[in-house]
């Protein structure tokens, strides 16, 4: 009985939770001129814009994790880990994250119930890339083999059009992941021993005729070209992730990547605004630092340095500095999601429930400032040992705020039986991204977080199913996530 109830109600609950936690609460503020752009220091390290933002992120950690609406938000924490590794700062914070993540990754990657497990491929792959980026062993992290788990969630050659597709497992029923999860799987596997060619081929098939990649493949796994025009919605974030995944795959020995990368690069260049920014799609179809962070990082990865520098300049213009912080002086280094969010913070400060958005924006935006490709984050070696007296990062500001999980919905252990692919590549890592959604309109300051509807639904489901479920919120586009 419990299994039937859970199977009937959980899909609806998950969908509603996804919508409520991703839509968040939009607070509209009058449009205010953006702050004057600041100079962007080249490279990475403590004295750069990326370093300053990373230090602020490190100061937001609580027991090795970034706060979520129930304990730590491990998807968002992984985003912060990738940012810190890309900026090459705060080794003590990196070490703290990896220790805590090792103890909590399985719970982040799986919802386990009496009726069975709910496994999300994107979260599983995100753990894999985090471990690789930290320079640790992905086959034995927290007592689990994350490489095998990820491989076990990739459809085999007997699945027809779905072959190579990273998927979720919901009580044994497979459902395809989105392009963020697919890209993370390709990057993580490429950097940890080799990526199966079918996983690369499936990713390539999601490139649309215009050169960009769509975020959501068709339900049957058909190519973007073969689907109706209404399903060919090209997305900056998905395209930036796909470009970097294909670069990592090529480095690992995969074939068929050069043409798709070139076409996607041309599309990204055409999508970049004159001020260097990129916009999201759907609810985030306006300039923001998350999409610009990923877009700029991808352009840097393919060698488009001028365009990448323009993206970095846009991001830096949304950063709180000692000269412009105003009422938000306690948060110097943090990066606003939009110019309106920056102007509001300068005038009114950053409230407790607004910090979640700033954490998400900063973690993603650092990637566009550091400009270290996803396939190279952490290639300098394992997590550096913190010194005996590590440089203190900024103290955590305000009370931890409720926040939804930034990447894909909770995921779980995959069957570790996938055959070993032939291409190989030295371990390294990747990000994930996530961006907090906000209503369109060029002036909104969205505040992400779980609505009361989510909690009510979870409570009803728990009573009906007799299972305690930990639902990590899911951003509209399943960042990184």
Protein backbone atom coordinates (compact mmCIF):
# COMPACT_ATOMS: atom_id res chain seq x y z
CA UNK A 1 0.00 0.00 0.00
CA UNK A 2 2.75 2.42 0.96
CA UNK A 3 4.60 1.68 -2.25
CA UNK A 4 1.50 2.35 -4.37
CA UNK A 5 0.84 5.63 -2.58
CA UNK A 6 4.43 6.74 -2.94
CA UNK A 7 4.56 5.87 -6.61
CA UNK A 8 1.33 7.79 -7.21
CA UNK A 9 2.10 10.94 -5.23
CA UNK A 10 5.86 11.45 -5.47
CA UNK A 11 6.04 12.50 -9.14
CA UNK A 12 3.45 15.22 -8.55
CA UNK A 13 5.11 16.28 -5.33
CA UNK A 14 8.52 16.42 -6.96
CA UNK A 15 7.16 18.49 -9.84
CA UNK A 16 5.42 20.92 -7.51
CA UNK A 17 8.43 21.15 -5.24
CA UNK A 18 10.57 21.86 -8.28
CA UNK A 19 8.28 24.71 -9.36
CA UNK A 20 7.86 26.26 -5.94
CA UNK A 21 11.49 26.10 -4.92
CA UNK A 22 12.76 27.34 -8.26
CA UNK A 23 10.27 30.11 -8.81
CA UNK A 24 10.91 31.56 -5.38
CA UNK A 25 9.58 34.96 -4.34
CA UNK A 26 10.21 37.87 -6.64
CA UNK A 27 10.70 41.26 -5.07
CA UNK A 28 10.61 43.95 -7.75
CA UNK A 29 12.70 47.04 -7.25
CA UNK A 30 12.93 50.16 -9.37
CA UNK A 31 15.53 49.97 -12.08
CA UNK A 32 18.74 51.63 -10.92
CA UNK A 33 21.83 52.31 -13.00
CA UNK A 34 24.43 49.58 -12.61
CA UNK A 35 27.53 50.26 -10.59
CA UNK A 36 30.54 51.43 -12.48
CA UNK A 37 32.60 48.48 -13.71
CA UNK A 38 35.76 47.70 -11.79
CA UNK A 39 39.01 46.45 -13.24
CA UNK A 40 39.30 42.69 -13.47
CA UNK A 41 42.60 41.23 -12.37
CA UNK A 42 43.99 38.60 -14.71
CA UNK A 43 44.51 35.04 -13.56
CA UNK A 44 43.46 33.49 -10.26
CA UNK A 45 44.44 33.90 -6.67
CA UNK A 46 43.62 35.86 -3.55
CA UNK A 47 44.15 39.33 -5.04
CA UNK A 48 41.69 38.93 -7.90
CA UNK A 49 37.96 39.48 -8.19
CA UNK A 50 37.57 35.70 -8.23
CA UNK A 51 39.64 35.40 -5.08
CA UNK A 52 37.61 38.04 -3.28
CA UNK A 53 34.32 36.34 -4.15
CA UNK A 54 35.71 32.97 -3.15
CA UNK A 55 36.81 34.27 0.23
CA UNK A 56 33.29 35.56 0.82
CA UNK A 57 31.86 32.16 -0.11
CA UNK A 58 34.27 30.44 2.26
CA UNK A 59 33.03 32.70 5.04
CA UNK A 60 29.47 31.51 4.40
CA UNK A 61 30.28 27.88 5.23
CA UNK A 62 28.72 26.30 8.29
CA UNK A 63 30.31 22.98 9.31
CA UNK A 64 31.72 22.51 5.83
CA UNK A 65 28.49 23.21 3.96
CA UNK A 66 26.48 26.13 2.65
CA UNK A 67 23.11 26.47 4.38
CA UNK A 68 19.95 25.10 2.82
CA UNK A 69 16.37 24.96 4.01
CA UNK A 70 17.12 21.66 5.79
CA UNK A 71 20.74 21.50 6.90
CA UNK A 72 23.42 22.01 4.28
CA UNK A 73 22.66 22.36 0.59
CA UNK A 74 25.22 20.00 -0.90
CA UNK A 75 24.58 20.89 -4.52
CA UNK A 76 25.29 24.53 -3.77
CA UNK A 77 28.23 23.52 -1.59
CA UNK A 78 29.74 21.65 -4.54
CA UNK A 79 29.35 24.80 -6.63
CA UNK A 80 31.33 26.65 -3.96
CA UNK A 81 33.99 23.94 -3.94
CA UNK A 82 34.46 24.30 -7.68
CA UNK A 83 34.67 28.07 -7.34
CA UNK A 84 37.32 27.83 -4.63
CA UNK A 85 39.35 25.36 -6.65
CA UNK A 86 39.07 27.49 -9.78
CA UNK A 87 40.23 30.59 -7.89
CA UNK A 88 42.99 28.62 -6.12
CA UNK A 89 42.23 30.11 -2.71
CA UNK A 90 41.02 29.07 0.75
CA UNK A 91 42.54 25.56 1.05
CA UNK A 92 41.19 25.21 4.59
CA UNK A 93 37.66 25.80 3.33
CA UNK A 94 38.16 23.32 0.50
CA UNK A 95 39.35 20.70 2.97
CA UNK A 96 36.37 21.37 5.23
CA UNK A 97 33.95 20.96 2.32
CA UNK A 98 35.46 17.68 1.15
CA UNK A 99 35.38 16.23 4.66
CA UNK A 100 31.72 17.12 5.12
CA UNK A 101 30.77 16.12 1.58
CA UNK A 102 32.33 12.68 2.05
CA UNK A 103 29.97 12.06 4.94
CA UNK A 104 26.89 13.44 3.19
CA UNK A 105 27.28 12.76 -0.54
CA UNK A 106 25.26 9.56 -0.51
CA UNK A 107 22.36 11.32 1.18
CA UNK A 108 22.56 14.13 -1.37
CA UNK A 109 22.62 11.69 -4.27
CA UNK A 110 19.76 9.49 -3.08
CA UNK A 111 16.36 9.59 -1.48
CA UNK A 112 15.93 6.22 0.18
CA UNK A 113 12.50 5.00 1.22
CA UNK A 114 10.90 1.74 2.29
CA UNK A 115 9.38 1.55 -1.16
CA UNK A 116 12.74 1.96 -2.90
CA UNK A 117 15.32 4.51 -3.91
CA UNK A 118 15.02 7.66 -5.98
CA UNK A 119 18.25 8.31 -7.83
CA UNK A 120 19.07 11.42 -9.85
CA UNK A 121 21.86 11.10 -12.39
CA UNK A 122 22.75 14.80 -12.29
CA UNK A 123 23.48 14.80 -8.56
CA UNK A 124 25.49 11.59 -8.83
CA UNK A 125 27.57 13.07 -11.64
CA UNK A 126 27.96 16.33 -9.72
CA UNK A 127 29.53 14.50 -6.81
CA UNK A 128 31.87 12.77 -9.24
CA UNK A 129 33.14 16.02 -10.73
CA UNK A 130 33.48 17.58 -7.28
CA UNK A 131 35.67 14.75 -6.08
CA UNK A 132 37.80 14.85 -9.21
CA UNK A 133 38.16 18.64 -8.99
CA UNK A 134 39.32 18.26 -5.39
CA UNK A 135 42.03 15.87 -6.56
CA UNK A 136 40.63 12.94 -4.56
CA UNK A 137 39.86 9.35 -5.52
CA UNK A 138 36.42 9.14 -7.19
CA UNK A 139 36.37 5.36 -6.80
CA UNK A 140 36.55 5.61 -3.02
CA UNK A 141 35.03 8.79 -1.66
CA UNK A 142 32.94 8.52 1.46
CA UNK A 143 33.04 4.76 1.00
CA UNK A 144 31.46 4.85 -2.46
CA UNK A 145 32.64 4.52 -6.06
CA UNK A 146 31.20 7.59 -7.77
CA UNK A 147 32.69 6.77 -11.13
CA UNK A 148 30.97 3.38 -11.18
CA UNK A 149 27.74 4.91 -9.95
CA UNK A 150 27.72 7.44 -12.75
CA UNK A 151 28.56 4.83 -15.36
CA UNK A 152 25.73 2.67 -14.04
CA UNK A 153 23.25 5.45 -14.80
CA UNK A 154 24.12 5.70 -18.50
CA UNK A 155 21.85 3.85 -20.90
CA UNK A 156 23.53 1.05 -22.81
CA UNK A 157 23.75 0.51 -26.55
CA UNK A 158 20.58 -1.60 -26.50
CA UNK A 159 18.46 1.45 -25.60
CA UNK A 160 18.20 2.81 -29.14
CA UNK A 161 17.92 6.61 -29.23
CA UNK A 162 18.47 6.72 -25.46
CA UNK A 163 21.87 5.03 -25.68
CA UNK A 164 24.46 7.05 -23.78
CA UNK A 165 21.86 9.14 -21.91
CA UNK A 166 22.46 9.71 -18.22
CA UNK A 167 19.22 8.94 -16.42
CA UNK A 168 17.47 9.04 -13.08
CA UNK A 169 16.07 5.97 -11.38
CA UNK A 170 12.74 6.37 -9.59
CA UNK A 171 11.80 3.08 -7.93
CA UNK A 172 13.58 1.34 -10.78
CA UNK A 173 11.91 3.36 -13.53
CA UNK A 174 14.36 5.33 -15.68
CA UNK A 175 13.81 8.97 -16.61
CA UNK A 176 16.31 10.90 -18.69
CA UNK A 177 18.46 13.59 -17.10
CA UNK A 178 18.82 17.08 -18.53
CA UNK A 179 21.84 18.47 -20.38
CA UNK A 180 23.47 19.76 -17.22
CA UNK A 181 23.55 16.27 -15.79
CA UNK A 182 24.69 14.80 -19.11
CA UNK A 183 27.53 17.31 -19.36
CA UNK A 184 28.60 16.70 -15.77
CA UNK A 185 28.69 12.96 -16.40
CA UNK A 186 30.80 13.40 -19.53
CA UNK A 187 33.24 15.70 -17.72
CA UNK A 188 33.47 13.59 -14.58
CA UNK A 189 34.02 10.34 -16.47
CA UNK A 190 36.45 11.92 -18.93
CA UNK A 191 38.54 13.19 -16.04
CA UNK A 192 38.46 10.00 -14.00
CA UNK A 193 39.55 7.33 -16.48
CA UNK A 194 37.59 7.74 -19.71
CA UNK A 195 34.12 8.51 -21.00
CA UNK A 196 31.99 6.11 -23.06
CA UNK A 197 31.64 7.39 -26.63
CA UNK A 198 27.84 6.88 -26.59
CA UNK A 199 27.55 9.42 -23.73
CA UNK A 200 29.40 11.95 -25.89
CA UNK A 201 27.32 11.10 -28.94
CA UNK A 202 24.06 11.58 -27.05
CA UNK A 203 25.23 15.00 -25.89
CA UNK A 204 26.10 15.99 -29.46
CA UNK A 205 22.65 14.93 -30.66
CA UNK A 206 21.08 17.55 -28.38
CA UNK A 207 22.72 20.36 -30.36
CA UNK A 208 20.06 22.27 -32.26
CA UNK A 209 20.33 23.54 -35.85
CA UNK A 210 21.28 27.03 -34.67
CA UNK A 211 24.40 25.73 -32.90
CA UNK A 212 23.21 26.05 -29.30
CA UNK A 213 22.22 23.16 -27.05
CA UNK A 214 18.84 22.69 -25.44
CA UNK A 215 18.51 21.99 -21.74
CA UNK A 216 15.87 19.30 -21.94
CA UNK A 217 16.12 16.43 -24.44
CA UNK A 218 12.95 14.93 -25.84
CA UNK A 219 11.42 12.20 -23.69
CA UNK A 220 12.48 9.44 -26.08
CA UNK A 221 16.03 10.70 -26.54
CA UNK A 222 15.64 11.86 -30.11
CA UNK A 223 18.03 14.45 -31.48
CA UNK A 224 17.19 18.15 -31.38
CA UNK A 225 17.18 18.27 -35.18
CA UNK A 226 14.51 15.56 -35.33
CA UNK A 227 12.19 17.17 -32.80
CA UNK A 228 9.61 19.92 -33.49
CA UNK A 229 10.82 23.51 -33.51
CA UNK A 230 8.91 24.11 -30.27
CA UNK A 231 11.33 21.73 -28.54
CA UNK A 232 14.47 23.28 -29.98
CA UNK A 233 14.93 25.90 -27.27
CA UNK A 234 18.63 26.71 -27.15
CA UNK A 235 19.99 27.70 -23.76
CA UNK A 236 23.18 29.61 -22.88
CA UNK A 237 23.88 27.65 -19.70
CA UNK A 238 23.32 24.26 -21.30
CA UNK A 239 25.44 25.25 -24.30
CA UNK A 240 28.31 26.49 -22.12
CA UNK A 241 28.27 23.24 -20.16
CA UNK A 242 28.08 21.11 -23.30
CA UNK A 243 31.03 22.94 -24.89
CA UNK A 244 33.20 22.28 -21.87
CA UNK A 245 32.05 18.68 -21.63
CA UNK A 246 32.97 18.09 -25.28
CA UNK A 247 36.38 19.67 -24.71
CA UNK A 248 37.01 17.35 -21.77
CA UNK A 249 35.80 14.37 -23.78
CA UNK A 250 38.12 15.22 -26.66
CA UNK A 251 41.03 15.46 -24.23
CA UNK A 252 40.10 11.97 -23.05
CA UNK A 253 40.15 10.59 -26.61
CA UNK A 254 36.50 10.87 -27.66
CA UNK A 255 35.69 11.63 -31.30
CA UNK A 256 33.18 13.84 -33.08
CA UNK A 257 33.53 16.91 -30.88
CA UNK A 258 35.34 19.53 -32.98
CA UNK A 259 32.45 20.53 -35.26
CA UNK A 260 29.86 20.77 -32.47
CA UNK A 261 32.22 22.86 -30.33
CA UNK A 262 32.86 25.28 -33.20
CA UNK A 263 29.15 25.69 -33.95
CA UNK A 264 28.29 26.17 -30.28
CA UNK A 265 31.06 28.75 -29.88
CA UNK A 266 29.67 30.77 -32.77
CA UNK A 267 26.22 30.67 -31.22
CA UNK A 268 27.54 31.82 -27.81
CA UNK A 269 29.42 34.70 -29.40
CA UNK A 270 26.24 35.80 -31.16
CA UNK A 271 24.27 35.59 -27.89
CA UNK A 272 26.71 37.74 -25.92
CA UNK A 273 25.51 41.31 -25.38
CA UNK A 274 27.66 44.36 -26.04
CA UNK A 275 28.34 44.75 -22.29
CA UNK A 276 29.69 41.19 -22.13
CA UNK A 277 26.67 39.68 -20.42
CA UNK A 278 24.63 36.60 -21.20
CA UNK A 279 20.99 36.01 -20.41
CA UNK A 280 19.26 32.86 -19.31
CA UNK A 281 16.08 31.42 -20.80
CA UNK A 282 12.52 31.10 -19.62
CA UNK A 283 12.18 32.74 -16.21
CA UNK A 284 15.78 34.00 -16.38
CA UNK A 285 15.66 35.56 -19.83
CA UNK A 286 17.60 38.70 -18.88
CA UNK A 287 21.29 39.48 -18.18
CA UNK A 288 22.58 37.78 -15.04
CA UNK A 289 25.91 36.77 -13.56
CA UNK A 290 25.16 33.05 -13.47
CA UNK A 291 24.65 32.63 -17.19
CA UNK A 292 27.47 35.10 -17.84
CA UNK A 293 29.77 33.10 -15.56
CA UNK A 294 29.22 29.89 -17.49
CA UNK A 295 29.20 31.58 -20.89
CA UNK A 296 32.43 33.43 -20.17
CA UNK A 297 34.09 30.31 -18.83
CA UNK A 298 33.19 28.36 -21.96
CA UNK A 299 34.51 31.12 -24.23
CA UNK A 300 37.77 31.16 -22.29
CA UNK A 301 37.99 27.38 -22.66
CA UNK A 302 37.82 27.60 -26.45
CA UNK A 303 40.31 30.47 -26.62
CA UNK A 304 37.91 33.38 -27.21
CA UNK A 305 39.84 35.54 -24.75
CA UNK A 306 38.43 38.95 -25.68
CA UNK A 307 34.85 37.77 -25.36
CA UNK A 308 35.68 35.98 -22.11
CA UNK A 309 37.26 39.16 -20.74
CA UNK A 310 34.10 41.13 -21.57
CA UNK A 311 32.05 38.59 -19.65
CA UNK A 312 34.40 38.84 -16.67
CA UNK A 313 34.13 42.63 -16.72
CA UNK A 314 30.33 42.43 -16.58
CA UNK A 315 30.53 40.06 -13.62
CA UNK A 316 33.05 42.21 -11.78
CA UNK A 317 30.75 45.21 -12.23
CA UNK A 318 28.18 43.38 -10.10
CA UNK A 319 30.61 42.65 -7.26
CA UNK A 320 30.59 44.36 -3.88
CA UNK A 321 33.92 46.08 -3.26
CA UNK A 322 35.20 48.29 -0.42
CA UNK A 323 34.54 51.29 -2.66
CA UNK A 324 30.93 50.54 -3.63
CA UNK A 325 29.46 48.25 -0.95
CA UNK A 326 27.55 50.89 1.00
CA UNK A 327 25.06 49.24 3.35
CA UNK A 328 26.35 45.81 2.28
CA UNK A 329 29.91 46.44 3.49
CA UNK A 330 29.83 43.23 5.56
CA UNK A 331 29.63 41.25 2.31
CA UNK A 332 32.52 42.66 0.29
CA UNK A 333 33.46 40.16 -2.42
CA UNK A 334 29.96 38.80 -2.97
CA UNK A 335 28.56 39.00 -6.49
CA UNK A 336 25.01 40.09 -7.23
CA UNK A 337 22.76 38.13 -9.56
CA UNK A 338 21.72 41.29 -11.43
CA UNK A 339 22.61 44.97 -11.41
CA UNK A 340 19.32 45.73 -9.68
CA UNK A 341 20.18 43.29 -6.90
CA UNK A 342 23.51 45.06 -6.48
CA UNK A 343 21.93 48.51 -6.30
CA UNK A 344 19.37 47.33 -3.75
CA UNK A 345 22.07 45.77 -1.57
CA UNK A 346 24.19 48.90 -1.67
CA UNK A 347 21.21 50.93 -0.48
CA UNK A 348 19.54 48.52 1.94
CA UNK A 349 22.12 45.85 2.74
CA UNK A 350 21.58 42.11 2.24
CA UNK A 351 18.84 40.58 4.34
CA UNK A 352 18.96 37.15 5.89
CA UNK A 353 16.69 35.58 3.30
CA UNK A 354 18.47 37.24 0.41
CA UNK A 355 21.83 35.64 1.17
CA UNK A 356 20.88 32.41 -0.60
CA UNK A 357 20.65 34.17 -3.94
CA UNK A 358 24.02 35.87 -3.41
CA UNK A 359 25.67 32.55 -2.57
CA UNK A 360 24.34 30.96 -5.73
CA UNK A 361 25.22 33.89 -7.93
CA UNK A 362 28.74 34.19 -6.50
CA UNK A 363 29.56 30.49 -6.85
CA UNK A 364 28.61 30.44 -10.52
CA UNK A 365 30.03 33.85 -11.36
CA UNK A 366 33.48 33.00 -10.01
CA UNK A 367 33.86 30.55 -12.88
CA UNK A 368 33.59 33.41 -15.35
CA UNK A 369 36.13 35.45 -13.39
CA UNK A 370 38.72 32.71 -12.86
CA UNK A 371 38.28 31.45 -16.45
CA UNK A 372 39.65 28.01 -15.64
CA UNK A 373 37.85 25.49 -17.89
CA UNK A 374 35.79 22.84 -16.18
CA UNK A 375 38.07 20.20 -17.57
CA UNK A 376 41.05 21.78 -15.83
CA UNK A 377 39.80 22.85 -12.41
CA UNK A 378 42.03 21.20 -9.84
CA UNK A 379 44.59 19.84 -12.27
CA UNK A 380 47.30 21.44 -10.15
CA UNK A 381 46.98 18.61 -7.66
CA UNK A 382 44.92 17.42 -4.71
CA UNK A 383 43.38 19.69 -2.12
CA UNK A 384 46.31 21.57 -0.55
CA UNK A 385 46.87 20.96 3.10
CA UNK A 386 45.90 24.03 5.12
CA UNK A 387 48.70 25.70 6.99
CA UNK A 388 48.96 25.47 10.76
CA UNK A 389 47.49 28.96 11.00
CA UNK A 390 45.27 29.33 7.94
CA UNK A 391 44.27 32.76 6.80
CA UNK A 392 40.85 33.36 8.31
CA UNK A 393 38.08 33.83 5.81
CA UNK A 394 35.26 36.24 6.37
CA UNK A 395 33.05 35.22 9.24
CA UNK A 396 29.67 33.78 8.35
CA UNK A 397 27.23 36.63 7.93
CA UNK A 398 23.76 36.55 9.37
CA UNK A 399 21.80 33.44 10.19
CA UNK A 400 21.91 30.63 7.62
CA UNK A 401 19.11 31.20 5.18
CA UNK A 402 16.71 28.65 3.80
CA UNK A 403 17.71 27.72 0.27
CA UNK A 404 16.81 25.14 -2.26
CA UNK A 405 19.26 22.62 -3.65
CA UNK A 406 20.91 24.22 -6.66
CA UNK A 407 21.35 21.32 -8.94
CA UNK A 408 19.31 18.36 -9.96
CA UNK A 409 16.88 16.74 -7.58
CA UNK A 410 18.34 14.34 -5.00
CA UNK A 411 20.04 11.37 -6.56
CA UNK A 412 21.31 8.08 -5.37
CA UNK A 413 23.59 5.15 -5.85
CA UNK A 414 23.77 3.74 -9.33
CA UNK A 415 24.43 0.13 -10.19
CA UNK A 416 28.22 -0.04 -10.52
CA UNK A 417 28.39 -2.48 -13.36
CA UNK A 418 29.05 -0.39 -16.44
CA UNK A 419 31.89 -1.58 -18.68
CA UNK A 420 35.12 0.39 -18.57
CA UNK A 421 35.41 2.73 -21.57
CA UNK A 422 38.51 2.86 -23.66
CA UNK A 423 39.40 6.58 -23.64
CA UNK A 424 41.41 7.69 -20.65
CA UNK A 425 42.30 11.01 -19.14
CA UNK A 426 44.07 12.13 -16.00
CA UNK A 427 41.71 12.92 -13.10
CA UNK A 428 40.67 16.53 -12.72
CA UNK A 429 37.14 18.05 -12.27
CA UNK A 430 34.15 20.35 -13.17
CA UNK A 431 31.39 22.65 -11.87
CA UNK A 432 27.86 22.77 -11.99
CA UNK A 433 26.15 25.07 -12.08
CA UNK A 434 23.56 26.53 -10.91
CA UNK A 435 21.68 29.90 -11.32
CA UNK A 436 18.87 31.21 -9.15
CA UNK A 437 15.79 31.87 -11.24
CA UNK A 438 13.99 35.19 -11.24
CA UNK A 439 11.04 36.62 -13.09
CA UNK A 440 11.74 38.29 -16.41
CA UNK A 441 11.64 42.02 -16.70
CA UNK A 442 15.11 43.48 -16.33
CA UNK A 443 14.72 44.67 -12.74
CA UNK A 444 13.70 41.91 -10.40
CA UNK A 445 15.61 40.72 -7.37
CA UNK A 446 14.46 37.12 -6.91
CA UNK A 447 14.77 35.41 -3.57
CA UNK A 448 15.02 31.67 -3.93
CA UNK A 449 13.78 29.26 -1.31
CA UNK A 450 11.17 26.66 -0.65
CA UNK A 451 7.60 27.84 -0.40
CA UNK A 452 5.21 26.64 2.27
CA UNK A 453 3.47 24.52 -0.36
CA UNK A 454 6.54 22.32 -0.58
CA UNK A 455 6.59 21.65 3.14
CA UNK A 456 2.87 20.84 3.23
CA UNK A 457 3.19 18.47 0.30
CA UNK A 458 6.19 16.75 1.82
CA UNK A 459 4.32 16.35 5.08
CA UNK A 460 1.30 14.81 3.35
CA UNK A 461 3.51 12.50 1.37
CA UNK A 462 5.39 11.42 4.47
CA UNK A 463 2.14 10.50 6.24
CA UNK A 464 0.78 8.68 3.21
CA UNK A 465 3.95 6.76 2.44
CA UNK A 466 5.26 6.27 5.93
CA UNK A 467 8.71 7.28 4.74
CA UNK A 468 10.84 10.18 5.81
CA UNK A 469 11.99 11.90 2.65
CA UNK A 470 14.61 14.56 2.47
CA UNK A 471 13.73 16.72 -0.52
CA UNK A 472 16.49 18.93 -1.76
CA UNK A 473 14.96 21.88 -3.64
CA UNK A 474 15.64 22.02 -7.34
CA UNK A 475 16.34 25.17 -9.37
CA UNK A 476 14.34 25.54 -12.47
CA UNK A 477 17.16 24.48 -14.70
CA UNK A 478 18.61 21.76 -12.45
CA UNK A 479 21.94 23.41 -12.11
CA UNK A 480 24.79 21.51 -11.59
CA UNK A 481 23.84 20.94 -11.06
